[in-house]
Amino acid sequence: DYFHFLAKAGNRYACETVTDQVDTWLTLIVGGTAQASHDDRSPQRLDSYLEWEASTEQAIIVEIQARGATTGLYTLTCTLLPPAPIPPPVPAVRFTSTPVMTTTTALTATGKITAVADLPPGAVVLAIRPLGPEMPAAPAVLPIQLVVYYDVNNDQNPSPGEGIPHVSVLAVDAQGQRLARVFTDLQGEAVFNTTAASIDRLVVPFVSTWSVKVRGEPESLGLPAVRLPVFLPVTSND
């Protein structure tokens, strides 16, 4: 047997057979294709039940077959089901407690203060642990840069190829005491990455009177072109 009706989009439907004579097989056909089927409601019942939701407006064909050559009377009912209820939102569970500090003992050997005396219901006992002295901030690294060069073109500025490599450069304080030492690289550049704020001057001991005061910006020392170097700067461990 075949039955048909028009289902509306978004509606839920249920089709069922009611019988105790014939073993029914209920099939839902949409667009010529079987979408779902159902045999027995339970081992003790021969009738069928099928429930679904229509995604679009569509013609529905319900096919009823008798299984096992059974015959008899049955009733087919197709009904519109109410929309599925939307569960209410689950309220957030709030835990409230009141921190209470009452009479306290002195600091113990572990530096712990524990609240004592009578506490109201729901009160939270506070345990206070000192964090210790404040950690000092890391000192800032002060880069100090110096270029040692031979002024071949006599322009009083370091040009490419004029840097003198492997020259010893000293960092001294205001009293002339040596604080650090580096050697110039292949471009004649010496860089001090230091946290010592007491550096007052950079000194190049290979040439007398060669020194420059530290002012927080890159500096340069150039040997005049009219005066040829009388030394070969060599890296040493002295």
C-alpha atoms as a PDB file:
ATOM      1  CA  ASP A   1       0.000   0.000   0.000  1.00  0.00           C
ATOM      2  CA  TYR A   2       1.165   3.568  -0.764  1.00  0.00           C
ATOM      3  CA  PHE A   3       0.162   6.859   0.876  1.00  0.00           C
ATOM      4  CA  HIS A   4       1.420  10.364   0.141  1.00  0.00           C
ATOM      5  CA  PHE A   5       1.295  13.900   1.562  1.00  0.00           C
ATOM      6  CA  LEU A   6       3.238  17.198   1.328  1.00  0.00           C
ATOM      7  CA  ALA A   7       5.728  17.836   4.134  1.00  0.00           C
ATOM      8  CA  LYS A   8       6.731  21.404   5.030  1.00  0.00           C
ATOM      9  CA  ALA A   9      10.322  22.436   5.623  1.00  0.00           C
ATOM     10  CA  GLY A  10      11.447  22.404   9.251  1.00  0.00           C
ATOM     11  CA  ASN A  11       8.490  20.331  10.503  1.00  0.00           C
ATOM     12  CA  ARG A  12       8.861  17.064  12.359  1.00  0.00           C
ATOM     13  CA  TYR A  13       6.566  14.171  11.413  1.00  0.00           C
ATOM     14  CA  ALA A  14       5.787  10.693  12.701  1.00  0.00           C
ATOM     15  CA  CYS A  15       4.135   7.864  10.743  1.00  0.00           C
ATOM     16  CA  GLU A  16       3.039   4.676  12.477  1.00  0.00           C
ATOM     17  CA  THR A  17       1.018   1.538  11.866  1.00  0.00           C
ATOM     18  CA  VAL A  18      -1.222   0.108  14.553  1.00  0.00           C
ATOM     19  CA  THR A  19      -2.121  -3.580  14.196  1.00  0.00           C
ATOM     20  CA  ASP A  20      -1.922  -6.923  15.918  1.00  0.00           C
ATOM     21  CA  GLN A  21      -2.684  -8.940  12.755  1.00  0.00           C
ATOM     22  CA  VAL A  22      -0.121  -8.081  10.060  1.00  0.00           C
ATOM     23  CA  ASP A  23       3.659  -7.689  10.332  1.00  0.00           C
ATOM     24  CA  THR A  24       4.150  -4.269   8.699  1.00  0.00           C
ATOM     25  CA  TRP A  25       7.279  -2.778   7.155  1.00  0.00           C
ATOM     26  CA  LEU A  26       7.099   1.024   6.854  1.00  0.00           C
ATOM     27  CA  THR A  27       9.324   2.830   4.316  1.00  0.00           C
ATOM     28  CA  LEU A  28       9.712   6.589   3.774  1.00  0.00           C
ATOM     29  CA  ILE A  29      10.268   7.481   0.075  1.00  0.00           C
ATOM     30  CA  VAL A  30      11.386  10.997  -1.000  1.00  0.00           C
ATOM     31  CA  GLY A  31      12.048  11.824  -4.662  1.00  0.00           C
ATOM     32  CA  GLY A  32      11.805   8.175  -5.610  1.00  0.00           C
ATOM     33  CA  THR A  33      14.471   7.108  -3.101  1.00  0.00           C
ATOM     34  CA  ALA A  34      13.902   5.282   0.165  1.00  0.00           C
ATOM     35  CA  GLN A  35      15.148   7.553   2.933  1.00  0.00           C
ATOM     36  CA  ALA A  36      14.311   5.445   6.013  1.00  0.00           C
ATOM     37  CA  SER A  37      12.395   2.338   7.043  1.00  0.00           C
ATOM     38  CA  HIS A  38      11.214   0.556  10.178  1.00  0.00           C
ATOM     39  CA  ASP A  39       9.983  -2.951  10.965  1.00  0.00           C
ATOM     40  CA  ASP A  40       8.813  -3.820  14.483  1.00  0.00           C
ATOM     41  CA  ARG A  41       8.445  -1.500  17.441  1.00  0.00           C
ATOM     42  CA  SER A  42       9.601  -4.305  19.758  1.00  0.00           C
ATOM     43  CA  PRO A  43       9.962  -8.107  19.774  1.00  0.00           C
ATOM     44  CA  GLN A  44       6.368  -8.332  21.047  1.00  0.00           C
ATOM     45  CA  ARG A  45       4.838  -5.881  18.503  1.00  0.00           C
ATOM     46  CA  LEU A  46       4.355  -6.231  14.733  1.00  0.00           C
ATOM     47  CA  ASP A  47       3.513  -2.602  13.940  1.00  0.00           C
ATOM     48  CA  SER A  48       6.030   0.056  12.819  1.00  0.00           C
ATOM     49  CA  TYR A  49       6.970   3.628  13.771  1.00  0.00           C
ATOM     50  CA  LEU A  50       9.117   6.194  11.931  1.00  0.00           C
ATOM     51  CA  GLU A  51       9.938   9.788  12.934  1.00  0.00           C
ATOM     52  CA  TRP A  52      11.847  12.415  10.905  1.00  0.00           C
ATOM     53  CA  GLU A  53      12.272  16.131  10.168  1.00  0.00           C
ATOM     54  CA  ALA A  54      11.697  17.579   6.675  1.00  0.00           C
ATOM     55  CA  SER A  55      14.652  19.689   5.532  1.00  0.00           C
ATOM     56  CA  THR A  56      12.729  21.195   2.589  1.00  0.00           C
ATOM     57  CA  GLU A  57       9.161  21.225   1.345  1.00  0.00           C
ATOM     58  CA  GLN A  58       8.821  17.815  -0.329  1.00  0.00           C
ATOM     59  CA  ALA A  59       6.327  15.185  -1.409  1.00  0.00           C
ATOM     60  CA  ILE A  60       6.416  12.194   0.929  1.00  0.00           C
ATOM     61  CA  ILE A  61       5.369   8.662  -0.058  1.00  0.00           C
ATOM     62  CA  VAL A  62       4.806   6.160   2.743  1.00  0.00           C
ATOM     63  CA  GLU A  63       5.004   2.510   1.640  1.00  0.00           C
ATOM     64  CA  ILE A  64       3.490  -0.244   3.799  1.00  0.00           C
ATOM     65  CA  GLN A  65       4.465  -3.840   3.141  1.00  0.00           C
ATOM     66  CA  ALA A  66       3.353  -7.085   4.831  1.00  0.00           C
ATOM     67  CA  ARG A  67       6.171  -9.341   5.877  1.00  0.00           C
ATOM     68  CA  GLY A  68       6.156 -13.101   6.001  1.00  0.00           C
ATOM     69  CA  ALA A  69       2.947 -13.411   3.909  1.00  0.00           C
ATOM     70  CA  THR A  70       0.923 -12.060   6.822  1.00  0.00           C
ATOM     71  CA  THR A  71      -2.426 -10.418   6.172  1.00  0.00           C
ATOM     72  CA  GLY A  72      -4.891  -8.447   8.225  1.00  0.00           C
ATOM     73  CA  LEU A  73      -6.123  -5.014   9.117  1.00  0.00           C
ATOM     74  CA  TYR A  74      -3.869  -2.097  10.159  1.00  0.00           C
ATOM     75  CA  THR A  75      -4.210   1.645  10.709  1.00  0.00           C
ATOM     76  CA  LEU A  76      -1.674   4.161   9.335  1.00  0.00           C
ATOM     77  CA  THR A  77      -1.399   7.513  11.085  1.00  0.00           C
ATOM     78  CA  CYS A  78       0.939  10.381  10.079  1.00  0.00           C
ATOM     79  CA  THR A  79       1.051  13.332  12.509  1.00  0.00           C
ATOM     80  CA  LEU A  80       2.857  16.652  12.829  1.00  0.00           C
ATOM     81  CA  LEU A  81       5.059  16.599  15.931  1.00  0.00           C
ATOM     82  CA  PRO A  82       5.582  19.663  18.114  1.00  0.00           C
ATOM     83  CA  PRO A  83       9.029  21.299  17.827  1.00  0.00           C
ATOM     84  CA  ALA A  84      11.677  19.798  20.039  1.00  0.00           C
ATOM     85  CA  PRO A  85      11.901  21.851  23.232  1.00  0.00           C
ATOM     86  CA  ILE A  86      14.994  24.000  23.637  1.00  0.00           C
ATOM     87  CA  PRO A  87      16.630  23.185  26.952  1.00  0.00           C
ATOM     88  CA  PRO A  88      17.084  26.224  29.171  1.00  0.00           C
ATOM     89  CA  PRO A  89      20.617  27.431  29.698  1.00  0.00           C
ATOM     90  CA  VAL A  90      22.374  25.890  32.643  1.00  0.00           C
ATOM     91  CA  PRO A  91      22.869  28.619  35.221  1.00  0.00           C
ATOM     92  CA  ALA A  92      26.434  29.260  36.228  1.00  0.00           C
ATOM     93  CA  VAL A  93      27.288  27.949  39.646  1.00  0.00           C
ATOM     94  CA  ARG A  94      28.762  30.681  41.774  1.00  0.00           C
ATOM     95  CA  PHE A  95      30.838  29.910  44.800  1.00  0.00           C
ATOM     96  CA  THR A  96      31.117  32.729  47.245  1.00  0.00           C
ATOM     97  CA  SER A  97      33.323  32.890  50.239  1.00  0.00           C
ATOM     98  CA  THR A  98      34.496  35.673  52.448  1.00  0.00           C
ATOM     99  CA  PRO A  99      38.204  35.925  53.281  1.00  0.00           C
ATOM    100  CA  VAL A 100      38.469  36.631  56.981  1.00  0.00           C
ATOM    101  CA  MET A 101      41.599  37.581  58.891  1.00  0.00           C
ATOM    102  CA  THR A 102      41.153  37.412  62.638  1.00  0.00           C
ATOM    103  CA  THR A 103      43.637  37.134  65.469  1.00  0.00           C
ATOM    104  CA  THR A 104      46.988  36.044  64.047  1.00  0.00           C
ATOM    105  CA  THR A 105      50.144  34.536  65.382  1.00  0.00           C
ATOM    106  CA  ALA A 106      53.577  35.957  64.734  1.00  0.00           C
ATOM    107  CA  LEU A 107      55.657  34.923  61.743  1.00  0.00           C
ATOM    108  CA  THR A 108      56.859  31.343  62.066  1.00  0.00           C
ATOM    109  CA  ALA A 109      60.222  30.065  60.961  1.00  0.00           C
ATOM    110  CA  THR A 110      58.759  29.461  57.486  1.00  0.00           C
ATOM    111  CA  GLY A 111      57.469  33.013  57.245  1.00  0.00           C
ATOM    112  CA  LYS A 112      53.802  31.944  57.475  1.00  0.00           C
ATOM    113  CA  ILE A 113      50.984  33.849  59.178  1.00  0.00           C
ATOM    114  CA  THR A 114      47.931  31.690  59.856  1.00  0.00           C
ATOM    115  CA  ALA A 115      44.482  33.045  60.728  1.00  0.00           C
ATOM    116  CA  VAL A 116      43.131  31.607  63.985  1.00  0.00           C
ATOM    117  CA  ALA A 117      40.245  32.250  66.406  1.00  0.00           C
ATOM    118  CA  ASP A 118      36.564  31.716  65.581  1.00  0.00           C
ATOM    119  CA  LEU A 119      35.641  31.887  61.894  1.00  0.00           C
ATOM    120  CA  PRO A 120      32.112  32.262  60.459  1.00  0.00           C
ATOM    121  CA  PRO A 121      30.710  29.527  58.194  1.00  0.00           C
ATOM    122  CA  GLY A 122      32.128  29.695  54.675  1.00  0.00           C
ATOM    123  CA  ALA A 123      35.143  31.753  55.750  1.00  0.00           C
ATOM    124  CA  VAL A 124      38.496  31.109  54.111  1.00  0.00           C
ATOM    125  CA  VAL A 125      41.609  30.845  56.234  1.00  0.00           C
ATOM    126  CA  LEU A 126      44.318  33.096  54.835  1.00  0.00           C
ATOM    127  CA  ALA A 127      47.918  31.977  54.724  1.00  0.00           C
ATOM    128  CA  ILE A 128      50.314  34.855  54.009  1.00  0.00           C
ATOM    129  CA  ARG A 129      53.834  34.137  52.809  1.00  0.00           C
ATOM    130  CA  PRO A 130      56.278  37.030  52.360  1.00  0.00           C
ATOM    131  CA  LEU A 131      57.747  37.171  48.866  1.00  0.00           C
ATOM    132  CA  GLY A 132      61.127  38.375  50.052  1.00  0.00           C
ATOM    133  CA  PRO A 133      63.025  41.471  48.953  1.00  0.00           C
ATOM    134  CA  GLU A 134      62.230  43.033  45.613  1.00  0.00           C
ATOM    135  CA  MET A 135      64.391  41.701  42.815  1.00  0.00           C
ATOM    136  CA  PRO A 136      66.501  44.489  41.327  1.00  0.00           C
ATOM    137  CA  ALA A 137      66.064  45.156  37.657  1.00  0.00           C
ATOM    138  CA  ALA A 138      68.777  43.821  35.390  1.00  0.00           C
ATOM    139  CA  PRO A 139      71.265  46.552  34.545  1.00  0.00           C
ATOM    140  CA  ALA A 140      70.973  47.932  31.045  1.00  0.00           C
ATOM    141  CA  VAL A 141      73.673  46.914  28.575  1.00  0.00           C
ATOM    142  CA  LEU A 142      75.435  50.001  27.233  1.00  0.00           C
ATOM    143  CA  PRO A 143      76.970  49.436  23.778  1.00  0.00           C
ATOM    144  CA  ILE A 144      79.986  51.674  23.175  1.00  0.00           C
ATOM    145  CA  GLN A 145      81.352  51.787  19.623  1.00  0.00           C
ATOM    146  CA  LEU A 146      84.638  53.149  18.284  1.00  0.00           C
ATOM    147  CA  VAL A 147      86.088  53.062  14.748  1.00  0.00           C
ATOM    148  CA  VAL A 148      89.888  53.286  14.410  1.00  0.00           C
ATOM    149  CA  TYR A 149      90.937  54.192  10.845  1.00  0.00           C
ATOM    150  CA  TYR A 150      93.766  55.536   8.674  1.00  0.00           C
ATOM    151  CA  ASP A 151      92.394  58.562   6.802  1.00  0.00           C
ATOM    152  CA  VAL A 152      93.705  57.723   3.321  1.00  0.00           C
ATOM    153  CA  ASN A 153      91.461  60.243   1.500  1.00  0.00           C
ATOM    154  CA  ASN A 154      91.988  62.872   4.206  1.00  0.00           C
ATOM    155  CA  ASP A 155      88.257  63.576   4.609  1.00  0.00           C
ATOM    156  CA  GLN A 156      88.379  63.199   8.411  1.00  0.00           C
ATOM    157  CA  ASN A 157      85.768  60.446   8.312  1.00  0.00           C
ATOM    158  CA  PRO A 158      86.112  56.661   8.235  1.00  0.00           C
ATOM    159  CA  SER A 159      85.563  55.428   4.684  1.00  0.00           C
ATOM    160  CA  PRO A 160      85.308  51.835   3.421  1.00  0.00           C
ATOM    161  CA  GLY A 161      88.684  50.123   3.533  1.00  0.00           C
ATOM    162  CA  GLU A 162      90.229  52.658   5.954  1.00  0.00           C
ATOM    163  CA  GLY A 163      89.533  50.685   9.162  1.00  0.00           C
ATOM    164  CA  ILE A 164      92.618  49.389  11.001  1.00  0.00           C
ATOM    165  CA  PRO A 165      92.064  45.831  12.303  1.00  0.00           C
ATOM    166  CA  HIS A 166      93.456  44.155  15.433  1.00  0.00           C
ATOM    167  CA  VAL A 167      94.062  47.406  17.328  1.00  0.00           C
ATOM    168  CA  SER A 168      93.828  47.231  21.123  1.00  0.00           C
ATOM    169  CA  VAL A 169      91.221  49.608  22.623  1.00  0.00           C
ATOM    170  CA  LEU A 170      90.932  50.199  26.376  1.00  0.00           C
ATOM    171  CA  ALA A 171      87.922  51.449  28.343  1.00  0.00           C
ATOM    172  CA  VAL A 172      89.018  53.484  31.392  1.00  0.00           C
ATOM    173  CA  ASP A 173      87.270  55.364  34.186  1.00  0.00           C
ATOM    174  CA  ALA A 174      87.686  59.037  35.087  1.00  0.00           C
ATOM    175  CA  GLN A 175      90.914  58.223  36.990  1.00  0.00           C
ATOM    176  CA  GLY A 176      92.413  56.388  34.015  1.00  0.00           C
ATOM    177  CA  GLN A 177      91.941  52.932  35.541  1.00  0.00           C
ATOM    178  CA  ARG A 178      91.470  50.189  32.944  1.00  0.00           C
ATOM    179  CA  LEU A 179      87.997  48.622  33.028  1.00  0.00           C
ATOM    180  CA  ALA A 180      87.806  46.579  29.800  1.00  0.00           C
ATOM    181  CA  ARG A 181      89.703  45.814  26.614  1.00  0.00           C
ATOM    182  CA  VAL A 182      88.703  44.757  23.090  1.00  0.00           C
ATOM    183  CA  PHE A 183      90.400  44.608  19.668  1.00  0.00           C
ATOM    184  CA  THR A 184      89.108  46.160  16.466  1.00  0.00           C
ATOM    185  CA  ASP A 185      87.639  43.849  13.842  1.00  0.00           C
ATOM    186  CA  LEU A 186      88.574  43.773  10.139  1.00  0.00           C
ATOM    187  CA  GLN A 187      86.666  47.041   9.590  1.00  0.00           C
ATOM    188  CA  GLY A 188      88.483  48.768  12.447  1.00  0.00           C
ATOM    189  CA  GLU A 189      85.439  48.713  14.728  1.00  0.00           C
ATOM    190  CA  ALA A 190      85.639  48.064  18.460  1.00  0.00           C
ATOM    191  CA  VAL A 191      82.421  47.508  20.426  1.00  0.00           C
ATOM    192  CA  PHE A 192      82.083  47.365  24.227  1.00  0.00           C
ATOM    193  CA  ASN A 193      78.826  45.716  25.367  1.00  0.00           C
ATOM    194  CA  THR A 194      79.009  46.503  29.043  1.00  0.00           C
ATOM    195  CA  THR A 195      76.850  47.417  32.015  1.00  0.00           C
ATOM    196  CA  ALA A 196      79.596  49.495  33.630  1.00  0.00           C
ATOM    197  CA  ALA A 197      78.369  53.074  33.822  1.00  0.00           C
ATOM    198  CA  SER A 198      81.785  54.169  35.111  1.00  0.00           C
ATOM    199  CA  ILE A 199      83.479  54.039  31.646  1.00  0.00           C
ATOM    200  CA  ASP A 200      84.646  57.584  30.975  1.00  0.00           C
ATOM    201  CA  ARG A 201      87.023  57.328  28.016  1.00  0.00           C
ATOM    202  CA  LEU A 202      88.270  54.984  25.277  1.00  0.00           C
ATOM    203  CA  VAL A 203      92.014  54.879  24.774  1.00  0.00           C
ATOM    204  CA  VAL A 204      94.097  53.472  21.884  1.00  0.00           C
ATOM    205  CA  PRO A 205      97.556  52.934  23.436  1.00  0.00           C
ATOM    206  CA  PHE A 206      99.346  52.271  20.096  1.00  0.00           C
ATOM    207  CA  VAL A 207      99.228  55.990  19.253  1.00  0.00           C
ATOM    208  CA  SER A 208      99.997  58.549  21.931  1.00  0.00           C
ATOM    209  CA  THR A 209      97.220  61.054  22.741  1.00  0.00           C
ATOM    210  CA  TRP A 210      94.666  58.854  20.979  1.00  0.00           C
ATOM    211  CA  SER A 211      91.583  58.787  23.223  1.00  0.00           C
ATOM    212  CA  VAL A 212      87.968  59.860  23.082  1.00  0.00           C
ATOM    213  CA  LYS A 213      85.444  60.625  25.811  1.00  0.00           C
ATOM    214  CA  VAL A 214      82.385  58.382  25.995  1.00  0.00           C
ATOM    215  CA  ARG A 215      79.267  60.386  25.136  1.00  0.00           C
ATOM    216  CA  GLY A 216      76.794  57.615  24.438  1.00  0.00           C
ATOM    217  CA  GLU A 217      77.173  57.645  20.653  1.00  0.00           C
ATOM    218  CA  PRO A 218      79.528  56.004  18.111  1.00  0.00           C
ATOM    219  CA  GLU A 219      82.981  57.618  18.049  1.00  0.00           C
ATOM    220  CA  SER A 220      85.925  57.451  15.641  1.00  0.00           C
ATOM    221  CA  LEU A 221      89.684  58.027  15.806  1.00  0.00           C
ATOM    222  CA  GLY A 222      91.548  58.571  12.552  1.00  0.00           C
ATOM    223  CA  LEU A 223      95.267  58.647  11.865  1.00  0.00           C
ATOM    224  CA  PRO A 224      95.989  61.567   9.455  1.00  0.00           C
ATOM    225  CA  ALA A 225      96.969  60.540   5.934  1.00  0.00           C
ATOM    226  CA  VAL A 226     100.097  62.714   6.088  1.00  0.00           C
ATOM    227  CA  ARG A 227     101.407  60.587   8.932  1.00  0.00           C
ATOM    228  CA  LEU A 228     101.994  56.975   7.969  1.00  0.00           C
ATOM    229  CA  PRO A 229     101.482  54.410  10.730  1.00  0.00           C
ATOM    230  CA  VAL A 230     104.729  53.373  12.315  1.00  0.00           C
ATOM    231  CA  PHE A 231     103.329  50.189  13.818  1.00  0.00           C
ATOM    232  CA  LEU A 232     101.616  47.016  12.715  1.00  0.00           C
ATOM    233  CA  PRO A 233      98.667  46.483  15.096  1.00  0.00           C
ATOM    234  CA  VAL A 234      98.692  42.872  16.228  1.00  0.00           C
ATOM    235  CA  THR A 235      96.270  41.148  18.568  1.00  0.00           C
ATOM    236  CA  SER A 236      97.963  40.102  21.794  1.00  0.00           C
ATOM    237  CA  ASN A 237      96.979  38.969  25.242  1.00  0.00           C
ATOM    238  CA  ASP A 238      98.978  41.630  27.111  1.00  0.00           C
END
